[in-house]
């Protein structure tokens, strides 16, 4: 189940701006603690609050290495 960008933003702001712990923010907004940790880490490292891209081709680089 995908969660809304608004919820993600509220969790990140609670931790970053209000100084709330990741665990407390997760409990407050009803999300898992690991999700809150990932969201805050992504914001702190890249400044992004949106979800990271997912999916796509993961194998062709490995396969193409054996092409010849």
C-alpha atoms as a PDB file:
ATOM      1  CA  UNK A   1       0.000   0.000   0.000  1.00  0.00           C
ATOM      2  CA  UNK A   2       1.442   3.352  -1.016  1.00  0.00           C
ATOM      3  CA  UNK A   3       1.261   6.114   1.550  1.00  0.00           C
ATOM      4  CA  UNK A   4       0.541   9.716   0.658  1.00  0.00           C
ATOM      5  CA  UNK A   5       3.285  12.276   0.131  1.00  0.00           C
ATOM      6  CA  UNK A   6       1.498  14.464   2.685  1.00  0.00           C
ATOM      7  CA  UNK A   7       1.876  11.811   5.382  1.00  0.00           C
ATOM      8  CA  UNK A   8       5.545  11.342   4.513  1.00  0.00           C
ATOM      9  CA  UNK A   9       6.072  15.115   4.718  1.00  0.00           C
ATOM     10  CA  UNK A  10       4.338  15.363   8.107  1.00  0.00           C
ATOM     11  CA  UNK A  11       6.508  12.585   9.550  1.00  0.00           C
ATOM     12  CA  UNK A  12       9.726  14.147   8.246  1.00  0.00           C
ATOM     13  CA  UNK A  13       8.794  17.622   9.485  1.00  0.00           C
ATOM     14  CA  UNK A  14       7.890  16.279  12.934  1.00  0.00           C
ATOM     15  CA  UNK A  15      11.357  14.767  13.238  1.00  0.00           C
ATOM     16  CA  UNK A  16      13.409  17.508  11.588  1.00  0.00           C
ATOM     17  CA  UNK A  17      11.575  20.661  12.683  1.00  0.00           C
ATOM     18  CA  UNK A  18       9.916  19.630  15.942  1.00  0.00           C
ATOM     19  CA  UNK A  19      12.770  17.439  17.192  1.00  0.00           C
ATOM     20  CA  UNK A  20      10.514  14.425  17.682  1.00  0.00           C
ATOM     21  CA  UNK A  21      12.136  10.999  17.648  1.00  0.00           C
ATOM     22  CA  UNK A  22      11.559   8.811  14.611  1.00  0.00           C
ATOM     23  CA  UNK A  23       9.799   6.251  16.768  1.00  0.00           C
ATOM     24  CA  UNK A  24       7.486   8.845  18.324  1.00  0.00           C
ATOM     25  CA  UNK A  25       6.681  10.352  14.916  1.00  0.00           C
ATOM     26  CA  UNK A  26       5.903   6.897  13.517  1.00  0.00           C
ATOM     27  CA  UNK A  27       3.556   6.162  16.400  1.00  0.00           C
ATOM     28  CA  UNK A  28       1.908   9.592  16.160  1.00  0.00           C
ATOM     29  CA  UNK A  29       1.139   9.225  12.444  1.00  0.00           C
ATOM     30  CA  UNK A  30       0.429   5.490  12.426  1.00  0.00           C
ATOM     31  CA  UNK A  31       3.304   4.322  10.221  1.00  0.00           C
ATOM     32  CA  UNK A  32       6.053   1.819  10.892  1.00  0.00           C
ATOM     33  CA  UNK A  33       9.234   2.971  12.591  1.00  0.00           C
ATOM     34  CA  UNK A  34      11.458   1.633   9.765  1.00  0.00           C
ATOM     35  CA  UNK A  35       9.471   3.719   7.274  1.00  0.00           C
ATOM     36  CA  UNK A  36       9.940   6.855   9.352  1.00  0.00           C
ATOM     37  CA  UNK A  37      13.662   6.124   9.633  1.00  0.00           C
ATOM     38  CA  UNK A  38      13.999   5.639   5.841  1.00  0.00           C
ATOM     39  CA  UNK A  39      12.010   8.775   5.029  1.00  0.00           C
ATOM     40  CA  UNK A  40      14.045  10.978   7.380  1.00  0.00           C
ATOM     41  CA  UNK A  41      17.327   9.456   6.173  1.00  0.00           C
ATOM     42  CA  UNK A  42      16.377  10.119   2.537  1.00  0.00           C
ATOM     43  CA  UNK A  43      15.482  13.716   3.407  1.00  0.00           C
ATOM     44  CA  UNK A  44      18.720  14.265   5.328  1.00  0.00           C
ATOM     45  CA  UNK A  45      20.923  12.803   2.592  1.00  0.00           C
ATOM     46  CA  UNK A  46      19.240  14.120  -0.553  1.00  0.00           C
ATOM     47  CA  UNK A  47      16.754  16.771   0.553  1.00  0.00           C
ATOM     48  CA  UNK A  48      13.964  14.793  -1.138  1.00  0.00           C
ATOM     49  CA  UNK A  49      10.689  13.907   0.560  1.00  0.00           C
ATOM     50  CA  UNK A  50       9.237  12.060  -2.408  1.00  0.00           C
ATOM     51  CA  UNK A  51       9.624   8.290  -2.714  1.00  0.00           C
ATOM     52  CA  UNK A  52      12.761   6.989  -4.385  1.00  0.00           C
ATOM     53  CA  UNK A  53      12.255   5.509  -7.841  1.00  0.00           C
ATOM     54  CA  UNK A  54      11.555   1.810  -7.808  1.00  0.00           C
ATOM     55  CA  UNK A  55      11.488  -0.950 -10.351  1.00  0.00           C
ATOM     56  CA  UNK A  56      13.168  -0.782 -13.690  1.00  0.00           C
ATOM     57  CA  UNK A  57      15.762  -2.973 -15.321  1.00  0.00           C
ATOM     58  CA  UNK A  58      18.172  -4.403 -12.771  1.00  0.00           C
ATOM     59  CA  UNK A  59      19.683  -7.290 -14.729  1.00  0.00           C
ATOM     60  CA  UNK A  60      20.774  -6.131 -18.177  1.00  0.00           C
ATOM     61  CA  UNK A  61      24.112  -4.684 -17.002  1.00  0.00           C
ATOM     62  CA  UNK A  62      25.115  -8.029 -15.538  1.00  0.00           C
ATOM     63  CA  UNK A  63      23.896  -9.951 -18.564  1.00  0.00           C
ATOM     64  CA  UNK A  64      25.512  -7.595 -21.092  1.00  0.00           C
ATOM     65  CA  UNK A  65      28.873  -8.104 -19.382  1.00  0.00           C
ATOM     66  CA  UNK A  66      28.877 -11.644 -20.861  1.00  0.00           C
ATOM     67  CA  UNK A  67      27.626 -10.598 -24.301  1.00  0.00           C
ATOM     68  CA  UNK A  68      30.840 -11.327 -26.158  1.00  0.00           C
END
